[in-house]
Amino acid sequence: MANRGLGMVYGGGQVGLMGVTADAVLAAGGEVHGVIPRALASKEIAHHGLTELYVVHTMHERKAMMVSLGGGFVALPGGLGTLEELFEVITGAQLGYHAKPIGILDVDGFYGPYRAMLDHCVGEGFVSAPDLDLTVMVSLSAP
């Protein structure tokens, strides 16, 4: 990201895959902006070495600020929060609230069940097939 002149906006923690990614972007000379709710600042161990750390009141404010600051979205393997944020940005694109690119990094097939669920939703008529094109999924194997 840093080599391409791209900054990073993320949830503001120093742990997990996103913390490692933030550290790598910073080490390469890139800018990293974190957005974390006050209640999670100590629980997630807020990253205080960022270019900018925004502390907000609620998760809703966090997500709105991240969407506002970001030029696009990339989902790494993650838990419920990652999935919730991914679905929110996809729904925002579906409804025309933004036209920012959405990528999914499918490491070692992590997102295979997610894609199968969406294919099932299309088959059942709950999701339109063209809506699956709102994201780009890239598969890779972990080193």
Protein backbone atom coordinates (compact mmCIF):
# COMPACT_ATOMS: atom_id res chain seq x y z
CA MET A 1 0.00 0.00 0.00
CA ALA A 2 2.70 2.44 1.00
CA ASN A 3 4.70 1.65 -2.15
CA ARG A 4 1.66 2.63 -4.22
CA GLY A 5 1.05 5.82 -2.28
CA LEU A 6 -2.09 4.45 -0.65
CA GLY A 7 -2.95 5.20 2.96
CA MET A 8 -4.85 2.89 5.26
CA VAL A 9 -7.98 3.50 7.30
CA TYR A 10 -8.97 0.79 9.78
CA GLY A 11 -10.43 0.14 13.23
CA GLY A 12 -7.48 1.50 15.21
CA GLY A 13 -6.28 -1.55 17.16
CA GLN A 14 -2.70 -2.74 17.48
CA VAL A 15 -3.57 -6.45 17.66
CA GLY A 16 -4.60 -9.07 15.10
CA LEU A 17 -4.20 -9.03 11.34
CA MET A 18 -5.20 -5.39 11.07
CA GLY A 19 -2.63 -4.34 13.68
CA VAL A 20 0.08 -6.25 11.80
CA THR A 21 -1.06 -4.67 8.53
CA ALA A 22 -1.03 -1.19 10.06
CA ASP A 23 2.51 -1.75 11.36
CA ALA A 24 3.67 -2.94 7.93
CA VAL A 25 2.19 0.11 6.17
CA LEU A 26 3.78 2.43 8.74
CA ALA A 27 7.15 0.66 8.45
CA ALA A 28 7.04 1.17 4.67
CA GLY A 29 6.46 4.91 5.17
CA GLY A 30 2.71 4.93 4.58
CA GLU A 31 -0.02 6.80 6.41
CA VAL A 32 -2.40 4.90 8.68
CA HIS A 33 -5.55 6.37 10.19
CA GLY A 34 -7.37 4.43 12.90
CA VAL A 35 -10.92 4.95 14.13
CA ILE A 36 -11.84 3.35 17.45
CA PRO A 37 -14.76 3.78 19.85
CA ARG A 38 -13.78 4.98 23.31
CA ALA A 39 -15.21 1.83 24.93
CA LEU A 40 -12.97 -0.38 22.78
CA ALA A 41 -9.83 1.74 23.00
CA SER A 42 -8.44 -0.21 25.95
CA LYS A 43 -10.10 -3.54 25.10
CA GLU A 44 -8.63 -3.62 21.60
CA ILE A 45 -5.43 -1.99 22.79
CA ALA A 46 -5.61 1.13 20.64
CA HIS A 47 -2.62 1.67 18.36
CA HIS A 48 -1.00 4.94 19.43
CA GLY A 49 1.73 4.89 16.78
CA LEU A 50 -0.57 5.77 13.89
CA THR A 51 -0.49 8.80 11.65
CA GLU A 52 -3.85 9.69 13.22
CA LEU A 53 -6.04 7.93 15.78
CA TYR A 54 -9.64 9.10 15.99
CA VAL A 55 -11.52 8.14 19.16
CA VAL A 56 -15.28 8.25 18.62
CA HIS A 57 -18.26 7.50 20.86
CA THR A 58 -20.01 4.62 19.09
CA MET A 59 -19.49 1.80 16.60
CA HIS A 60 -21.89 3.62 14.26
CA GLU A 61 -19.67 6.70 14.31
CA ARG A 62 -16.63 4.49 13.76
CA LYS A 63 -18.05 2.82 10.66
CA ALA A 64 -19.38 6.08 9.21
CA MET A 65 -15.98 7.75 9.65
CA MET A 66 -14.11 4.79 8.17
CA VAL A 67 -16.40 4.79 5.12
CA SER A 68 -16.00 8.56 4.78
CA LEU A 69 -12.20 8.49 5.05
CA GLY A 70 -11.61 5.37 2.94
CA GLY A 71 -11.30 5.33 -0.82
CA GLY A 72 -12.05 1.60 -0.97
CA PHE A 73 -12.37 -1.44 1.26
CA VAL A 74 -10.47 -4.69 1.69
CA ALA A 75 -11.67 -7.44 4.02
CA LEU A 76 -9.04 -9.75 5.45
CA PRO A 77 -10.02 -12.94 7.28
CA GLY A 78 -11.75 -11.93 10.48
CA GLY A 79 -14.61 -12.40 12.87
CA LEU A 80 -18.10 -11.01 13.36
CA GLY A 81 -17.01 -7.37 13.25
CA THR A 82 -15.23 -7.89 9.93
CA LEU A 83 -18.25 -9.64 8.44
CA GLU A 84 -20.64 -6.99 9.73
CA GLU A 85 -18.53 -4.18 8.28
CA LEU A 86 -18.13 -6.05 4.98
CA PHE A 87 -21.88 -6.51 4.61
CA GLU A 88 -22.49 -2.87 5.50
CA VAL A 89 -20.17 -1.54 2.78
CA ILE A 90 -21.59 -4.02 0.24
CA THR A 91 -25.13 -2.93 1.12
CA GLY A 92 -24.05 0.71 0.84
CA ALA A 93 -22.77 0.03 -2.68
CA GLN A 94 -25.92 -1.91 -3.57
CA LEU A 95 -28.09 1.02 -2.48
CA GLY A 96 -25.92 3.56 -4.29
CA TYR A 97 -24.58 5.29 -1.17
CA HIS A 98 -21.04 4.89 -2.49
CA ALA A 99 -19.23 3.54 -5.55
CA LYS A 100 -15.98 2.65 -3.79
CA PRO A 101 -14.26 -0.63 -4.65
CA ILE A 102 -14.69 -3.56 -2.26
CA GLY A 103 -12.14 -6.35 -2.15
CA ILE A 104 -12.05 -9.59 -0.21
CA LEU A 105 -8.72 -11.29 0.46
CA ASP A 106 -9.53 -15.00 0.55
CA VAL A 107 -6.54 -16.52 2.35
CA ASP A 108 -6.46 -20.31 2.16
CA GLY A 109 -10.17 -20.52 1.32
CA PHE A 110 -11.32 -18.60 4.42
CA TYR A 111 -14.12 -16.86 2.49
CA GLY A 112 -15.25 -19.98 0.58
CA PRO A 113 -18.21 -20.60 2.94
CA TYR A 114 -19.15 -16.89 2.69
CA ARG A 115 -19.27 -17.14 -1.11
CA ALA A 116 -21.26 -20.40 -0.91
CA MET A 117 -23.78 -18.68 1.36
CA LEU A 118 -24.17 -15.79 -1.09
CA ASP A 119 -24.59 -18.23 -4.00
CA HIS A 120 -27.29 -19.96 -1.93
CA CYS A 121 -29.00 -16.58 -1.32
CA VAL A 122 -28.98 -15.93 -5.09
CA GLY A 123 -30.44 -19.39 -5.71
CA GLU A 124 -33.21 -18.72 -3.21
CA GLY A 125 -34.00 -15.33 -4.77
CA PHE A 126 -32.91 -13.15 -1.85
CA VAL A 127 -29.84 -11.66 -3.56
CA SER A 128 -29.57 -10.53 -7.16
CA ALA A 129 -26.74 -12.23 -9.08
CA PRO A 130 -25.35 -8.88 -10.32
CA ASP A 131 -24.93 -7.80 -6.68
CA LEU A 132 -22.22 -10.44 -6.33
CA ASP A 133 -20.15 -8.29 -8.70
CA LEU A 134 -20.03 -5.49 -6.12
CA THR A 135 -16.94 -7.18 -4.65
CA VAL A 136 -13.75 -8.60 -6.04
CA MET A 137 -12.42 -11.69 -4.29
CA VAL A 138 -8.74 -12.54 -4.59
CA SER A 139 -7.52 -15.91 -3.37
CA LEU A 140 -4.04 -16.61 -2.09
CA SER A 141 -2.21 -19.10 0.04
CA ALA A 142 -0.54 -18.09 3.28
CA PRO A 143 3.26 -18.43 3.21
